Amino acid sequence: MKISTKGRYGLTIMIELARKHGEGPTSLKCIAQTHDLSEHYLEQLIAPLRNAGLVKSIRGAYGGYVLAKEPNQITSGDIIRVLEGPITPVEGIEDEEPAKRELWIRIRDAIKDVLDSTTLEDLASYTEDGNNDSYMFYI
């Protein structure tokens, strides 16, 4: 399974909102500048995240976006499924011979387990210099 820029940048948006959770709305412009990303592209990604009930928009001069749920209630799997679709390592698993089908199913399930057990709270706590209790996480 290959995660496209949609999934990677969507995670970036959501991690930033989790890091700023409780501080008020964050603008996409701020996130785009911080990560040297296209604000226009981020605007395209925020709509499906909002439609899925993962973020809320706040209007006004000091508006922006906030998480619709607590960071520990949103998983990376939630985000990836919204932006990338179903999680599967290969298309047409059901058409494979039994041995290969079993391998693809085990790989799919392992990916799902990692994505569904990693919350935004977990991701927001990781630092780029590796100063955390578990391991480094880079986007």
C-alpha atoms as a PDB file:
ATOM      1  CA  MET A   1       0.000   0.000   0.000  1.00  0.00           C
ATOM      2  CA  LYS A   2       1.358   3.359  -0.991  1.00  0.00           C
ATOM      3  CA  ILE A   3       0.113   6.461   0.814  1.00  0.00           C
ATOM      4  CA  SER A   4      -0.152   9.427  -1.554  1.00  0.00           C
ATOM      5  CA  THR A   5       0.417  13.084  -0.748  1.00  0.00           C
ATOM      6  CA  LYS A   6      -3.300  13.270   0.069  1.00  0.00           C
ATOM      7  CA  GLY A   7      -2.841  10.901   2.990  1.00  0.00           C
ATOM      8  CA  ARG A   8       0.515  12.310   4.086  1.00  0.00           C
ATOM      9  CA  TYR A   9      -0.544  15.956   3.967  1.00  0.00           C
ATOM     10  CA  GLY A  10      -3.905  15.093   5.520  1.00  0.00           C
ATOM     11  CA  LEU A  11      -2.050  13.539   8.445  1.00  0.00           C
ATOM     12  CA  THR A  12       0.088  16.684   8.641  1.00  0.00           C
ATOM     13  CA  ILE A  13      -3.031  18.866   8.915  1.00  0.00           C
ATOM     14  CA  MET A  14      -4.566  16.642  11.561  1.00  0.00           C
ATOM     15  CA  ILE A  15      -1.371  16.339  13.620  1.00  0.00           C
ATOM     16  CA  GLU A  16      -1.019  20.129  13.650  1.00  0.00           C
ATOM     17  CA  LEU A  17      -4.638  20.510  14.778  1.00  0.00           C
ATOM     18  CA  ALA A  18      -3.994  17.932  17.506  1.00  0.00           C
ATOM     19  CA  ARG A  19      -0.870  19.781  18.660  1.00  0.00           C
ATOM     20  CA  LYS A  20      -2.900  22.993  18.928  1.00  0.00           C
ATOM     21  CA  HIS A  21      -5.993  21.299  20.381  1.00  0.00           C
ATOM     22  CA  GLY A  22      -7.668  23.523  22.966  1.00  0.00           C
ATOM     23  CA  GLU A  23      -5.887  26.670  21.760  1.00  0.00           C
ATOM     24  CA  GLY A  24      -8.578  27.751  19.295  1.00  0.00           C
ATOM     25  CA  PRO A  25      -8.791  27.501  15.517  1.00  0.00           C
ATOM     26  CA  THR A  26      -5.732  27.048  13.318  1.00  0.00           C
ATOM     27  CA  SER A  27      -5.633  28.386   9.777  1.00  0.00           C
ATOM     28  CA  LEU A  28      -4.560  26.298   6.826  1.00  0.00           C
ATOM     29  CA  LYS A  29      -2.270  29.176   5.890  1.00  0.00           C
ATOM     30  CA  CYS A  30      -0.378  28.688   9.153  1.00  0.00           C
ATOM     31  CA  ILE A  31      -0.064  24.939   8.588  1.00  0.00           C
ATOM     32  CA  ALA A  32       0.997  25.464   4.966  1.00  0.00           C
ATOM     33  CA  GLN A  33       3.694  27.961   5.975  1.00  0.00           C
ATOM     34  CA  THR A  34       4.978  25.805   8.835  1.00  0.00           C
ATOM     35  CA  HIS A  35       5.397  22.764   6.583  1.00  0.00           C
ATOM     36  CA  ASP A  36       6.141  24.565   3.296  1.00  0.00           C
ATOM     37  CA  LEU A  37       3.033  23.124   1.624  1.00  0.00           C
ATOM     38  CA  SER A  38       0.498  24.527  -0.811  1.00  0.00           C
ATOM     39  CA  GLU A  39      -2.380  26.174   1.043  1.00  0.00           C
ATOM     40  CA  HIS A  40      -4.597  25.545  -1.996  1.00  0.00           C
ATOM     41  CA  TYR A  41      -3.851  21.799  -1.831  1.00  0.00           C
ATOM     42  CA  LEU A  42      -4.573  21.712   1.909  1.00  0.00           C
ATOM     43  CA  GLU A  43      -7.932  23.391   1.227  1.00  0.00           C
ATOM     44  CA  GLN A  44      -8.811  20.485  -1.065  1.00  0.00           C
ATOM     45  CA  LEU A  45      -7.939  17.974   1.666  1.00  0.00           C
ATOM     46  CA  ILE A  46      -9.789  19.651   4.521  1.00  0.00           C
ATOM     47  CA  ALA A  47     -13.224  19.305   2.860  1.00  0.00           C
ATOM     48  CA  PRO A  48     -13.402  15.487   3.043  1.00  0.00           C
ATOM     49  CA  LEU A  49     -12.028  15.590   6.595  1.00  0.00           C
ATOM     50  CA  ARG A  50     -14.768  18.045   7.542  1.00  0.00           C
ATOM     51  CA  ASN A  51     -17.438  16.009   5.737  1.00  0.00           C
ATOM     52  CA  ALA A  52     -16.298  12.900   7.640  1.00  0.00           C
ATOM     53  CA  GLY A  53     -16.790  14.721  10.954  1.00  0.00           C
ATOM     54  CA  LEU A  54     -13.106  14.805  11.866  1.00  0.00           C
ATOM     55  CA  VAL A  55     -12.684  18.603  11.793  1.00  0.00           C
ATOM     56  CA  LYS A  56     -14.904  21.657  12.254  1.00  0.00           C
ATOM     57  CA  SER A  57     -14.473  24.990  10.545  1.00  0.00           C
ATOM     58  CA  ILE A  58     -14.677  28.225  12.503  1.00  0.00           C
ATOM     59  CA  ARG A  59     -15.549  31.319  10.483  1.00  0.00           C
ATOM     60  CA  GLY A  60     -14.374  34.843  11.060  1.00  0.00           C
ATOM     61  CA  ALA A  61     -11.239  36.924  11.166  1.00  0.00           C
ATOM     62  CA  TYR A  62      -9.605  34.569  13.652  1.00  0.00           C
ATOM     63  CA  GLY A  63     -11.195  31.450  12.193  1.00  0.00           C
ATOM     64  CA  GLY A  64      -9.684  28.256  10.977  1.00  0.00           C
ATOM     65  CA  TYR A  65     -10.085  24.611  11.864  1.00  0.00           C
ATOM     66  CA  VAL A  66     -10.301  22.555  15.031  1.00  0.00           C
ATOM     67  CA  LEU A  67     -10.631  18.846  15.660  1.00  0.00           C
ATOM     68  CA  ALA A  68     -14.236  17.675  15.923  1.00  0.00           C
ATOM     69  CA  LYS A  69     -13.237  15.078  18.538  1.00  0.00           C
ATOM     70  CA  GLU A  70     -10.538  14.682  21.131  1.00  0.00           C
ATOM     71  CA  PRO A  71      -7.121  13.737  19.660  1.00  0.00           C
ATOM     72  CA  ASN A  72      -7.248  10.352  21.394  1.00  0.00           C
ATOM     73  CA  GLN A  73     -10.537   9.555  19.617  1.00  0.00           C
ATOM     74  CA  ILE A  74      -9.238   9.987  16.050  1.00  0.00           C
ATOM     75  CA  THR A  75      -6.921   7.356  14.587  1.00  0.00           C
ATOM     76  CA  SER A  76      -4.566   7.602  11.665  1.00  0.00           C
ATOM     77  CA  GLY A  77      -6.738   4.896  10.074  1.00  0.00           C
ATOM     78  CA  ASP A  78      -9.747   7.230  10.219  1.00  0.00           C
ATOM     79  CA  ILE A  79      -7.811   9.873   8.309  1.00  0.00           C
ATOM     80  CA  ILE A  80      -6.206   7.547   5.756  1.00  0.00           C
ATOM     81  CA  ARG A  81      -9.541   5.883   4.918  1.00  0.00           C
ATOM     82  CA  VAL A  82     -11.193   9.280   4.319  1.00  0.00           C
ATOM     83  CA  LEU A  83      -8.414  10.502   2.040  1.00  0.00           C
ATOM     84  CA  GLU A  84      -7.123   7.290   0.438  1.00  0.00           C
ATOM     85  CA  GLY A  85     -10.063   4.889   0.534  1.00  0.00           C
ATOM     86  CA  PRO A  86     -10.010   1.293   1.779  1.00  0.00           C
ATOM     87  CA  ILE A  87      -6.791  -0.061   3.218  1.00  0.00           C
ATOM     88  CA  THR A  88      -5.517  -2.866   1.007  1.00  0.00           C
ATOM     89  CA  PRO A  89      -2.001  -3.827  -0.117  1.00  0.00           C
ATOM     90  CA  VAL A  90      -3.189  -5.193  -3.492  1.00  0.00           C
ATOM     91  CA  GLU A  91      -6.345  -5.090  -5.590  1.00  0.00           C
ATOM     92  CA  GLY A  92      -8.362  -8.259  -6.136  1.00  0.00           C
ATOM     93  CA  ILE A  93      -7.252 -10.219  -3.075  1.00  0.00           C
ATOM     94  CA  GLU A  94     -10.209 -12.574  -3.520  1.00  0.00           C
ATOM     95  CA  ASP A  95      -8.887 -13.655  -6.959  1.00  0.00           C
ATOM     96  CA  GLU A  96      -5.472 -14.718  -5.652  1.00  0.00           C
ATOM     97  CA  GLU A  97      -4.461 -18.314  -5.008  1.00  0.00           C
ATOM     98  CA  PRO A  98      -4.979 -19.285  -1.341  1.00  0.00           C
ATOM     99  CA  ALA A  99      -1.326 -18.962  -0.236  1.00  0.00           C
ATOM    100  CA  LYS A 100      -0.904 -15.473  -1.680  1.00  0.00           C
ATOM    101  CA  ARG A 101      -4.377 -14.428  -0.555  1.00  0.00           C
ATOM    102  CA  GLU A 102      -3.461 -15.372   3.031  1.00  0.00           C
ATOM    103  CA  LEU A 103      -0.270 -13.281   2.807  1.00  0.00           C
ATOM    104  CA  TRP A 104      -2.114 -10.228   1.445  1.00  0.00           C
ATOM    105  CA  ILE A 105      -4.796 -10.546   4.132  1.00  0.00           C
ATOM    106  CA  ARG A 106      -2.157 -10.759   6.884  1.00  0.00           C
ATOM    107  CA  ILE A 107      -0.353  -7.694   5.479  1.00  0.00           C
ATOM    108  CA  ARG A 108      -3.653  -5.769   5.217  1.00  0.00           C
ATOM    109  CA  ASP A 109      -4.608  -6.687   8.771  1.00  0.00           C
ATOM    110  CA  ALA A 110      -1.186  -5.664  10.114  1.00  0.00           C
ATOM    111  CA  ILE A 111      -1.435  -2.279   8.385  1.00  0.00           C
ATOM    112  CA  LYS A 112      -4.969  -1.790   9.717  1.00  0.00           C
ATOM    113  CA  ASP A 113      -3.838  -2.718  13.236  1.00  0.00           C
ATOM    114  CA  VAL A 114      -1.075  -0.086  13.195  1.00  0.00           C
ATOM    115  CA  LEU A 115      -3.251   2.636  11.665  1.00  0.00           C
ATOM    116  CA  ASP A 116      -6.223   1.918  13.924  1.00  0.00           C
ATOM    117  CA  SER A 117      -4.164   1.764  17.106  1.00  0.00           C
ATOM    118  CA  THR A 118      -2.256   5.015  16.442  1.00  0.00           C
ATOM    119  CA  THR A 119      -4.215   8.063  17.542  1.00  0.00           C
ATOM    120  CA  LEU A 120      -3.643  11.727  16.765  1.00  0.00           C
ATOM    121  CA  GLU A 121      -2.673  12.124  20.397  1.00  0.00           C
ATOM    122  CA  ASP A 122       0.130   9.584  19.821  1.00  0.00           C
ATOM    123  CA  LEU A 123       1.291  11.301  16.637  1.00  0.00           C
ATOM    124  CA  ALA A 124       1.165  14.793  18.136  1.00  0.00           C
ATOM    125  CA  SER A 125       3.421  13.664  20.978  1.00  0.00           C
ATOM    126  CA  TYR A 126       6.219  12.520  18.650  1.00  0.00           C
ATOM    127  CA  THR A 127       8.977  15.021  17.970  1.00  0.00           C
ATOM    128  CA  GLU A 128      11.232  15.322  14.961  1.00  0.00           C
ATOM    129  CA  ASP A 129      14.383  15.074  17.062  1.00  0.00           C
ATOM    130  CA  GLY A 130      13.245  11.796  18.628  1.00  0.00           C
ATOM    131  CA  ASN A 131      12.784  13.167  22.149  1.00  0.00           C
ATOM    132  CA  ASN A 132       9.880  11.002  23.206  1.00  0.00           C
ATOM    133  CA  ASP A 133       9.279   7.834  25.141  1.00  0.00           C
ATOM    134  CA  SER A 134       8.740   5.489  22.204  1.00  0.00           C
ATOM    135  CA  TYR A 135      10.234   6.074  18.765  1.00  0.00           C
ATOM    136  CA  MET A 136      10.694   8.722  16.110  1.00  0.00           C
ATOM    137  CA  PHE A 137       7.936   9.479  13.664  1.00  0.00           C
ATOM    138  CA  TYR A 138       8.553  11.514  10.540  1.00  0.00           C
ATOM    139  CA  ILE A 139       6.086  12.691   7.927  1.00  0.00           C
END
